[in-house]
Protein backbone atom coordinates (compact mmCIF):
# COMPACT_ATOMS: atom_id res chain seq x y z
CA MET A 1 52.86 -0.56 -3.19
CA LYS A 2 49.37 -2.18 -2.45
CA GLN A 3 46.27 0.02 -2.10
CA LEU A 4 45.33 0.99 1.43
CA VAL A 5 42.46 -1.43 2.17
CA CYS A 6 40.57 -1.66 5.37
CA GLU A 7 41.03 -4.96 7.14
CA MET A 8 37.63 -4.77 8.78
CA CYS A 9 35.20 -4.26 5.95
CA GLY A 10 37.30 -4.10 2.88
CA SER A 11 36.52 -0.68 1.99
CA THR A 12 39.57 1.42 0.23
CA ASP A 13 37.67 4.72 1.21
CA LEU A 14 40.40 5.74 4.06
CA ILE A 15 40.89 9.34 4.80
CA LYS A 16 43.75 10.74 7.13
CA ASP A 17 42.27 12.73 9.90
CA ASP A 18 43.84 14.06 13.06
CA GLY A 19 47.10 11.93 12.37
CA VAL A 20 45.03 8.54 11.84
CA PHE A 21 43.57 6.94 8.83
CA VAL A 22 39.61 6.64 9.24
CA CYS A 23 37.58 4.15 7.26
CA GLN A 24 34.64 6.04 6.00
CA SER A 25 32.62 2.88 5.61
CA CYS A 26 32.88 1.09 9.24
CA GLY A 27 34.95 3.72 11.18
CA CYS A 28 37.94 1.80 11.88
CA LYS A 29 41.03 4.00 12.59
CA TYR A 30 44.78 3.15 11.66
CA SER A 31 47.87 4.86 12.92
CA VAL A 32 50.28 6.00 10.04
CA GLU A 33 52.58 3.27 11.05
CA GLU A 34 49.88 0.62 10.59
CA ALA A 35 48.98 2.35 7.18
CA LYS A 36 52.62 1.97 6.00
CA ARG A 37 52.59 -1.64 6.81
CA MET A 38 49.51 -2.20 5.25
CA MET A 39 50.46 -0.64 2.04
CA VAL A 40 53.91 -2.59 1.76
CA GLU A 41 52.94 -5.87 3.43
CA GLY A 42 49.30 -5.87 2.84
CA VAL A 43 48.67 -7.21 6.41
CA VAL A 44 48.14 -5.78 9.82
CA GLU A 45 48.43 -7.70 12.81
CA VAL A 46 45.65 -6.61 15.04
CA GLN A 47 46.04 -7.63 18.79
CA GLY A 48 43.37 -7.72 21.52
CA THR A 49 39.75 -7.01 20.90
CA VAL A 50 38.71 -4.53 18.18
CA LYS A 51 35.67 -2.56 18.68
CA VAL A 52 34.12 -1.05 15.17
CA ASP A 53 32.42 2.16 15.62
CA ASN A 54 29.64 2.37 13.21
CA THR A 55 28.05 5.47 14.68
CA GLN A 56 29.11 7.72 11.83
CA LEU A 57 28.10 5.14 9.17
CA ILE A 58 24.73 4.79 10.85
CA GLY A 59 24.11 8.32 11.14
CA ASN A 60 24.80 8.83 7.41
CA TYR A 61 22.45 5.91 6.22
CA LEU A 62 19.66 7.45 8.80
CA SER A 63 20.45 10.75 7.19
CA MET A 64 20.09 9.33 3.72
CA ALA A 65 16.82 7.15 4.45
CA GLN A 66 15.13 10.65 5.76
CA ASN A 67 16.19 12.57 2.67
CA ALA A 68 14.96 9.58 0.43
CA ALA A 69 11.55 9.61 2.49
CA ASP A 70 11.38 13.48 2.21
CA SER A 71 11.70 13.14 -1.69
CA ASN A 72 8.87 10.41 -1.65
CA ASN A 73 11.56 7.90 -2.71
CA GLN A 74 10.07 5.10 -0.30
CA SER A 75 12.21 2.29 -1.92
CA GLU A 76 15.41 3.89 -1.25
CA ALA A 77 14.65 5.14 2.03
CA GLU A 78 13.76 1.29 2.82
CA ASP A 79 17.08 0.28 1.39
CA TYR A 80 19.15 2.67 3.81
CA ALA A 81 16.89 1.58 6.89
CA ASN A 82 17.78 -1.81 6.00
CA LYS A 83 21.66 -1.10 5.76
CA VAL A 84 21.25 0.18 9.27
CA LEU A 85 19.29 -2.74 10.63
CA GLU A 86 22.03 -4.92 9.27
CA LEU A 87 24.69 -3.16 11.31
CA GLU A 88 22.26 -2.54 14.47
CA PRO A 89 18.89 -4.61 14.36
CA THR A 90 17.76 -2.95 17.40
CA ASN A 91 18.23 0.66 16.20
CA TRP A 92 14.72 2.28 16.88
CA ALA A 93 15.15 5.00 14.40
CA ALA A 94 15.89 2.76 11.56
CA LEU A 95 13.29 0.55 12.83
CA TYR A 96 10.61 3.66 12.47
CA ALA A 97 12.12 4.42 9.02
CA LYS A 98 11.54 1.11 7.89
CA GLY A 99 7.96 0.86 8.89
CA ASN A 100 7.25 4.20 7.41
CA ALA A 101 8.75 3.34 4.24
CA ALA A 102 7.07 0.25 3.95
CA GLY A 103 3.80 1.52 4.90
CA TRP A 104 3.74 3.99 2.19
CA GLN A 105 4.51 1.41 -0.54
CA SER A 106 1.39 -0.07 0.20
CA GLY A 107 -1.35 -0.47 -2.49
CA THR A 108 -4.49 -2.40 -3.20
CA ARG A 109 -2.70 -5.46 -4.10
CA ASN A 110 0.23 -5.03 -1.51
CA ASN A 111 -0.99 -3.78 1.90
CA ARG A 112 2.03 -3.33 3.77
CA LEU A 113 0.50 -1.66 6.80
CA PRO A 114 0.45 -4.60 9.11
CA GLU A 115 4.19 -4.88 8.25
CA ALA A 116 4.79 -1.16 9.11
CA ILE A 117 2.86 -1.46 12.29
CA ASP A 118 5.05 -4.31 13.39
CA TYR A 119 8.15 -2.30 12.86
CA PHE A 120 6.70 0.60 14.68
CA SER A 121 5.86 -1.56 17.54
CA GLN A 122 9.46 -2.54 17.60
CA ALA A 123 10.78 0.78 17.36
CA ILE A 124 8.96 1.91 20.75
CA ALA A 125 10.00 -1.35 22.43
CA ASN A 126 13.83 -0.35 21.57
CA CYS A 127 13.78 3.22 22.15
CA GLU A 128 15.12 3.73 25.67
CA ASP A 129 15.48 7.55 25.81
CA GLU A 130 12.47 9.05 27.37
CA SER A 131 12.99 12.22 25.44
CA ASN A 132 13.26 10.59 21.93
CA LEU A 133 10.45 8.19 22.94
CA ALA A 134 7.85 11.00 23.46
CA GLU A 135 8.80 12.27 19.94
CA LEU A 136 8.80 8.89 18.39
CA ARG A 137 5.25 8.06 19.82
CA ASP A 138 3.90 11.27 18.41
CA ASN A 139 5.19 10.65 14.97
CA ILE A 140 4.05 7.05 15.01
CA ALA A 141 0.54 7.90 16.09
CA LYS A 142 0.66 10.69 13.25
CA THR A 143 2.02 8.44 10.58
CA THR A 144 -0.27 5.51 11.29
CA SER A 145 -3.21 7.63 11.08
CA GLU A 146 -2.15 8.95 7.75
CA LEU A 147 -1.01 5.48 6.43
CA VAL A 148 -4.55 4.09 7.60
CA LEU A 149 -6.41 7.08 5.66
CA GLY A 150 -4.17 6.62 2.75
CA MET A 151 -5.00 2.96 2.41
CA ILE A 152 -8.62 3.34 2.98
CA GLY A 153 -8.68 6.25 0.52
CA LEU A 154 -7.22 3.88 -2.05
CA ARG A 155 -10.00 1.43 -1.55
CA CYS A 156 -12.49 4.35 -1.68
CA ASP A 157 -11.29 5.62 -4.99
CA ASN A 158 -11.45 2.31 -6.43
CA PHE A 159 -15.09 1.91 -5.33
CA ALA A 160 -15.95 5.37 -6.51
CA LYS A 161 -14.52 4.17 -10.02
CA PHE A 162 -15.61 0.68 -9.95
CA PRO A 163 -18.71 0.30 -7.66
CA SER A 164 -18.73 -3.69 -7.65
CA VAL A 165 -19.76 -5.74 -4.67
CA ASP A 166 -16.09 -7.24 -4.50
CA ASN A 167 -14.77 -3.83 -4.32
CA ALA A 168 -17.10 -2.80 -1.63
CA GLN A 169 -16.25 -5.95 0.46
CA TYR A 170 -12.50 -5.01 -0.11
CA LEU A 171 -13.27 -1.42 1.35
CA ILE A 172 -15.00 -2.85 4.20
CA SER A 173 -12.49 -5.44 5.04
CA GLU A 174 -9.67 -2.85 4.73
CA ALA A 175 -11.34 -0.39 7.02
CA GLN A 176 -12.07 -2.74 9.84
CA THR A 177 -8.59 -4.43 9.53
CA SER A 178 -6.69 -1.33 9.15
CA LEU A 179 -8.68 0.48 11.90
CA ILE A 180 -8.12 -2.57 14.32
CA LEU A 181 -4.35 -2.75 13.70
CA ALA A 182 -4.03 1.20 13.92
CA ALA A 183 -6.19 1.27 17.16
CA LYS A 184 -3.96 -1.21 19.04
CA LEU A 185 -0.74 0.58 17.97
CA ILE A 186 -2.12 4.18 18.89
CA THR A 187 -3.34 2.94 22.14
CA SER A 188 0.18 1.64 22.91
CA CYS A 189 1.63 5.07 21.72
CA GLY A 190 -0.73 6.77 24.18
CA ILE A 191 -2.26 9.12 21.58
CA VAL A 192 -5.77 8.80 19.54
CA PRO A 193 -6.19 11.47 17.09
CA ASP A 194 -9.53 13.22 17.45
CA ASP A 195 -10.38 13.04 13.80
CA PHE A 196 -8.70 9.69 12.95
CA LYS A 197 -12.34 7.59 12.43
CA ALA A 198 -14.13 10.77 11.29
CA GLN A 199 -11.83 11.26 8.50
CA ALA A 200 -12.16 7.65 7.55
CA ALA A 201 -16.06 7.81 7.70
CA THR A 202 -16.01 11.13 5.39
CA LEU A 203 -13.76 9.52 2.91
CA ILE A 204 -16.12 6.37 2.80
CA ASN A 205 -19.17 8.27 2.59
CA ALA A 206 -17.94 10.33 -0.54
CA SER A 207 -17.00 7.24 -2.32
CA VAL A 208 -20.49 5.94 -2.13
CA VAL A 209 -21.97 9.19 -3.44
CA LYS A 210 -19.82 8.81 -6.33
CA GLY A 211 -20.30 5.23 -6.74
CA TRP A 212 -23.94 5.50 -6.41
CA LYS A 213 -24.30 7.89 -9.15
CA SER A 214 -22.56 5.09 -11.38
CA ILE A 215 -24.82 2.39 -10.20
CA TRP A 216 -28.01 4.39 -10.83
CA SER A 217 -26.71 5.46 -14.21
CA ASP A 218 -26.02 1.75 -15.07
CA TYR A 219 -29.49 0.65 -13.93
CA THR A 220 -31.45 3.44 -15.76
CA ASP A 221 -29.35 4.59 -18.66
CA ASP A 222 -29.80 8.08 -17.02
CA LYS A 223 -33.71 8.00 -18.32
CA PRO A 224 -36.93 7.48 -16.42
CA ILE A 225 -37.91 4.15 -15.54
CA GLN A 226 -40.53 2.77 -18.18
CA LYS A 227 -43.98 2.69 -16.54
CA PRO A 228 -46.13 -0.48 -16.92
CA GLY A 229 -48.93 -0.19 -19.70
CA ARG A 230 -49.52 -0.24 -23.34
CA VAL A 231 -47.49 2.12 -25.49
CA TYR A 232 -48.84 3.43 -28.93
CA SER A 233 -45.93 5.60 -30.19
CA SER A 234 -41.99 5.52 -30.11
CA ASP A 235 -41.87 7.30 -26.81
CA TYR A 236 -40.65 4.09 -25.09
CA VAL A 237 -37.25 5.08 -26.37
CA CYS A 238 -37.37 8.18 -23.94
CA TYR A 239 -37.42 5.66 -21.11
CA SER A 240 -35.11 2.97 -19.51
CA GLN A 241 -36.43 -0.73 -19.53
CA PRO A 242 -33.84 -2.42 -17.17
CA SER A 243 -33.63 -6.30 -17.89
CA ASP A 244 -33.81 -8.93 -15.15
CA ASN A 245 -29.98 -9.18 -15.00
CA ASP A 246 -29.77 -5.32 -14.90
CA TRP A 247 -32.12 -5.36 -11.81
CA LYS A 248 -30.21 -8.17 -9.97
CA ARG A 249 -26.89 -6.25 -10.51
CA PHE A 250 -28.43 -3.01 -9.39
CA TYR A 251 -29.77 -4.16 -5.98
CA LYS A 252 -26.62 -6.11 -5.27
CA ARG A 253 -24.50 -3.12 -5.80
CA ALA A 254 -26.91 -0.60 -4.00
CA ASP A 255 -26.85 -3.18 -1.14
CA ALA A 256 -23.28 -2.85 -1.25
CA CYS A 257 -23.48 1.02 -0.87
CA THR A 258 -25.80 0.63 2.24
CA SER A 259 -23.49 -1.72 3.75
CA ILE A 260 -20.48 0.70 3.53
CA LEU A 261 -22.47 3.62 4.59
CA VAL A 262 -23.46 1.62 7.91
CA LEU A 263 -19.75 1.05 8.18
CA ALA A 264 -19.24 4.99 8.01
CA ILE A 265 -21.77 5.50 10.55
CA ASN A 266 -20.55 3.10 13.11
CA LEU A 267 -16.84 4.18 12.70
CA ASP A 268 -16.85 7.08 15.07
CA ASN A 269 -19.48 8.11 17.68
CA GLY A 270 -18.32 11.68 17.89
CA ASP A 271 -19.49 13.03 14.71
CA ASP A 272 -23.19 13.04 14.84
CA GLU A 273 -23.86 16.23 12.52
CA ALA A 274 -21.96 14.45 9.93
CA ASP A 275 -23.84 11.08 10.49
CA LEU A 276 -27.04 12.88 9.82
CA GLN A 277 -26.06 12.94 5.93
CA ARG A 278 -24.63 9.60 5.95
CA TYR A 279 -28.32 8.44 7.49
CA ASN A 280 -30.05 10.53 4.88
CA ASN A 281 -27.95 8.78 2.09
CA LEU A 282 -28.53 5.33 3.68
CA ILE A 283 -32.16 5.56 3.85
CA PHE A 284 -32.40 7.27 0.43
CA ILE A 285 -30.55 4.56 -1.38
CA ALA A 286 -32.56 1.61 1.07
CA GLU A 287 -35.70 3.03 -0.12
CA THR A 288 -34.90 3.24 -3.59
CA ILE A 289 -33.76 -0.24 -3.60
CA VAL A 290 -37.15 -1.54 -1.90
CA ASP A 291 -39.24 -0.42 -4.83
CA SER A 292 -36.71 -1.35 -7.71
CA HIS A 293 -37.47 -3.89 -10.52
CA SER A 294 -37.12 -4.79 -13.86
CA ILE A 295 -39.18 -4.20 -16.85
CA ARG A 296 -40.60 -6.70 -19.39
CA TYR A 297 -42.49 -6.54 -22.68
CA CYS A 298 -45.12 -8.95 -22.97
CA ASN A 299 -48.27 -9.22 -25.19
CA ALA A 300 -47.65 -5.44 -26.46
CA GLU A 301 -47.42 -4.05 -22.88
CA TRP A 302 -44.79 -3.04 -20.63
CA GLY A 303 -44.85 -4.82 -17.19
CA ILE A 304 -42.80 -5.38 -14.13
CA GLY A 305 -40.56 -8.16 -14.28
CA TYR A 306 -38.47 -9.14 -11.07
CA SER A 307 -39.14 -7.46 -7.89
CA PHE A 308 -38.76 -8.27 -4.16
CA THR A 309 -41.33 -10.56 -2.50
CA GLU A 310 -43.61 -8.82 -0.35
CA SER A 311 -41.86 -10.49 2.66
CA ALA A 312 -38.51 -9.31 1.73
CA LYS A 313 -39.96 -5.78 1.27
CA THR A 314 -41.64 -5.97 4.77
CA ASP A 315 -38.05 -7.04 6.07
CA ARG A 316 -36.27 -4.11 4.36
CA ARG A 317 -38.66 -1.62 5.41
CA GLN A 318 -38.45 -2.65 9.08
CA GLU A 319 -34.72 -2.14 8.71
CA ILE A 320 -35.30 1.19 7.09
CA ALA A 321 -37.64 2.21 10.00
CA GLN A 322 -34.83 1.29 12.55
CA TRP A 323 -32.44 3.60 10.57
CA LYS A 324 -34.89 6.34 10.71
CA ALA A 325 -35.29 5.92 14.39
CA GLU A 326 -31.31 6.18 14.69
CA ARG A 327 -31.31 9.22 12.62
CA GLU A 328 -33.97 10.79 15.02
CA ASN A 329 -31.79 9.90 18.06
CA CYS A 330 -28.89 11.31 16.15
CA LYS A 331 -30.52 14.49 15.22
CA LYS A 332 -31.53 15.09 18.92
CA ARG A 333 -27.83 14.73 19.89
CA VAL A 334 -26.75 17.32 17.31
CA ASP A 335 -29.42 19.67 18.65
CA GLU A 336 -28.54 19.35 22.38
CA LYS A 337 -24.94 19.93 21.49
CA LYS A 338 -25.80 23.17 19.55
CA ALA A 339 -28.17 24.22 22.42
CA GLU A 340 -25.26 23.45 24.87
CA ALA A 341 -22.64 25.60 22.70
CA TYR A 342 -25.36 28.29 22.46
CA TRP A 343 -26.13 28.41 26.18
CA GLU A 344 -22.49 28.69 27.07
CA SER A 345 -22.27 31.72 24.98
CA ASN A 346 -25.57 33.29 26.18
CA PRO A 347 -25.53 32.36 29.93
CA GLU A 348 -27.52 35.49 30.95
CA LYS A 349 -30.58 34.75 28.58
CA ARG A 350 -30.36 31.28 29.82
CA GLU A 351 -30.70 32.40 33.44
CA SER A 352 -33.46 34.87 32.44
CA ILE A 353 -35.59 31.93 30.88
CA GLN A 354 -34.86 29.68 33.83
CA ASN A 355 -36.00 32.66 36.08
CA GLN A 356 -39.47 32.80 34.12
CA ILE A 357 -39.93 29.16 34.45
CA ALA A 358 -39.42 29.35 38.32
CA GLU A 359 -42.02 32.30 38.27
CA CYS A 360 -44.60 30.42 36.33
CA GLU A 361 -44.12 27.53 38.77
CA ALA A 362 -44.66 29.40 41.71
CA ALA A 363 -47.72 31.16 40.14
CA ILE A 364 -49.26 27.60 39.68
CA ASP A 365 -48.18 26.62 43.15
CA LYS A 366 -50.23 29.86 44.31
CA LEU A 367 -53.24 29.31 42.40
CA ILE A 368 -53.56 25.71 43.25
CA SER A 369 -53.23 26.37 47.04
CA ASP A 370 -55.41 29.48 47.14
CA THR A 371 -58.38 29.02 49.19
CA VAL A 372 -60.75 30.67 46.57
CA TYR A 373 -59.61 27.77 44.17
CA LEU A 374 -59.93 24.97 46.91
CA GLU A 375 -63.49 26.06 48.16
CA ASN A 376 -64.92 26.23 44.62
CA LYS A 377 -63.27 22.87 43.66
CA LYS A 378 -64.59 21.34 46.91
CA ARG A 379 -68.16 22.53 45.83
CA VAL A 380 -67.61 21.40 42.23
CA ASP A 381 -66.44 17.75 43.37
CA GLU A 382 -69.45 17.62 45.72
CA PHE A 383 -71.84 18.03 42.87
CA GLU A 384 -70.26 15.51 40.91
CA GLN A 385 -70.60 13.07 43.54
CA SER A 386 -74.36 14.11 43.92
CA ARG A 387 -74.91 13.83 40.11
CA LYS A 388 -73.58 10.39 40.13
CA LYS A 389 -75.91 9.40 42.83
CA ILE A 390 -79.05 11.12 41.13
CA GLU A 391 -78.28 9.55 37.81
CA THR A 392 -77.97 6.10 39.46
CA SER A 393 -81.28 6.68 41.02
CA ILE A 394 -82.87 7.66 37.79
CA ALA A 395 -81.67 4.43 36.32
CA LYS A 396 -82.99 2.51 38.91
CA CYS A 397 -86.53 3.88 38.39
CA SER A 398 -89.03 1.65 36.74
CA LEU A 399 -89.95 2.16 33.13
CA PHE A 400 -93.33 4.09 33.88
CA ASN A 401 -92.07 5.87 37.14
CA ASN A 402 -92.34 8.90 35.40
CA LYS A 403 -93.07 11.09 38.56
CA ASP A 404 -89.81 9.96 40.41
CA LYS A 405 -87.74 10.49 37.26
CA LYS A 406 -88.94 14.02 36.66
CA ARG A 407 -88.43 14.75 40.37
CA LEU A 408 -84.81 13.68 40.21
CA ARG A 409 -84.34 15.48 36.97
CA ASN A 410 -85.40 18.61 38.65
CA GLU A 411 -83.16 18.16 41.40
CA LEU A 412 -80.23 17.63 39.05
CA LYS A 413 -81.06 20.79 37.27
CA ASN A 414 -81.29 22.70 40.37
CA LEU A 415 -77.94 21.19 41.84
CA GLU A 416 -76.42 22.03 38.40
CA GLU A 417 -77.73 25.76 38.52
CA ASN A 418 -76.37 26.41 41.85
CA THR A 419 -73.11 24.74 41.31
CA ALA A 420 -72.56 26.71 38.16
CA PRO A 421 -70.63 29.78 39.68
CA TYR A 422 -68.41 27.53 41.58
CA ARG A 423 -67.68 25.72 38.19
CA GLU A 424 -67.03 28.94 36.37
CA LYS A 425 -64.68 30.17 39.09
CA VAL A 426 -62.63 26.75 38.84
CA GLN A 427 -62.48 26.78 35.22
CA GLU A 428 -61.38 30.31 35.22
CA ILE A 429 -58.58 29.39 37.61
CA GLU A 430 -57.58 26.33 35.84
CA ALA A 431 -57.33 28.12 32.56
CA GLU A 432 -54.82 30.65 34.08
CA ILE A 433 -53.03 27.42 35.59
CA GLU A 434 -52.78 25.99 32.19
CA SER A 435 -51.63 29.06 30.57
CA ASN A 436 -48.84 29.24 32.89
CA ARG A 437 -48.09 25.40 32.27
CA GLN A 438 -48.06 25.97 28.57
CA GLU A 439 -45.43 28.99 28.84
CA ILE A 440 -43.25 26.43 31.20
CA ARG A 441 -43.33 23.92 28.09
CA ARG A 442 -42.58 26.78 25.55
CA LEU A 443 -39.70 27.98 27.73
CA GLN A 444 -38.46 24.57 28.23
CA GLU A 445 -38.42 23.95 24.61
CA GLU A 446 -36.42 27.06 24.03
CA LEU A 447 -33.82 25.99 26.44
CA LEU A 448 -33.57 22.76 24.47
CA TYR A 449 -33.76 24.22 20.98
CA PRO A 450 -32.37 27.98 21.13
CA ASN A 451 -32.55 29.43 17.72
CA ILE A 452 -33.59 26.06 16.32
CA LYS A 453 -36.50 25.33 14.87
CA HIS A 454 -38.17 22.09 16.57
CA GLN A 455 -38.93 19.12 14.20
CA SER A 456 -41.31 16.42 15.30
CA THR A 457 -39.87 13.04 15.33
CA THR A 458 -42.98 11.77 13.76
CA GLN A 459 -42.14 10.16 10.28
């Protein structure tokens, strides 16, 4: 008697269930009579169209793929996903599992994120059930964010440990490519996580901070830079004397840091407060680069070796000035957001300040339109016109015409004495007007910077 073998897939794993034998691999069912003939004759004649039901097998493979993924065995999860896709190439759950497993197997030498995103797109395209599609989009958006951040994190770790120009370029390229791919997919999913780019910028900034410490240590040997001049003792051993090659390597690696920081700042427009620190790091490193140089020993003296030309320094300082201006704009936006949040929590205080401003403005209007002020102002204005005429007449007098000059000067003096009371009254009222204007400026500044110490934008 022969062993019972499934004619459809060749499996010997057949179990009797509800009066029929069911293949555990492909799901094909055989009656008792058919099973007997198979065991005796080895052949069962199948007539008509046979539809193989792989539902149970696919479900088993998907379950095993999920278990493997949960155990962080992504290679095994991908294998099970592939088994499902062999049976059903359009299975959206398997396409998602395949993309997820491929993405998490990415490394700095094998970035499979584009492959993962391709499978995610196929999963969305093949998921027809609206209830499943909504959950799938959420999962893909979340997974893609995690994959991109994970990949950028690997590049950041690599730069922090080995801050070379090449590793900086790899990081920049990775961030730009990954973010573009992810943005396209997340847009198709209809979800854009709020903290997606902000988290990437935070990782990048942290890698520069760590990498910079290593770069500066290599350049200085953790010692003060040797100052130019003659040395008469062995004190020179307490200072660092970077060679020409040391300096070239330093500024190139430092420039790589500034390029990465610019990328981090430009990643997201919604994290101004975090960008302030990035601008501080950027400007600090850039200013350090400008004044850097190598040290040479010549004619019993230490002197400056290689350094930037004055033209190159000017270009770099102009770029730094632009970053400082951008930092001030960033700070202004941060202050405005803080003020907005503060006034949302203190509406009564804001209303009180606005009322005080309105009162000051009303007081100014009243003072300016008051008849006393207008009449005295008119007298003063008339005096100014008369004064100009008299001074013109004095200037036209001949050099030796002292009589007319004296008469005109006396006339001007009398006019000034007569106008003095009116001028004093005008000055008194205008001082009160200016006092109100100063109070308005103070109140307006308090509205802009509540509990925030105002800092001038002048550098």
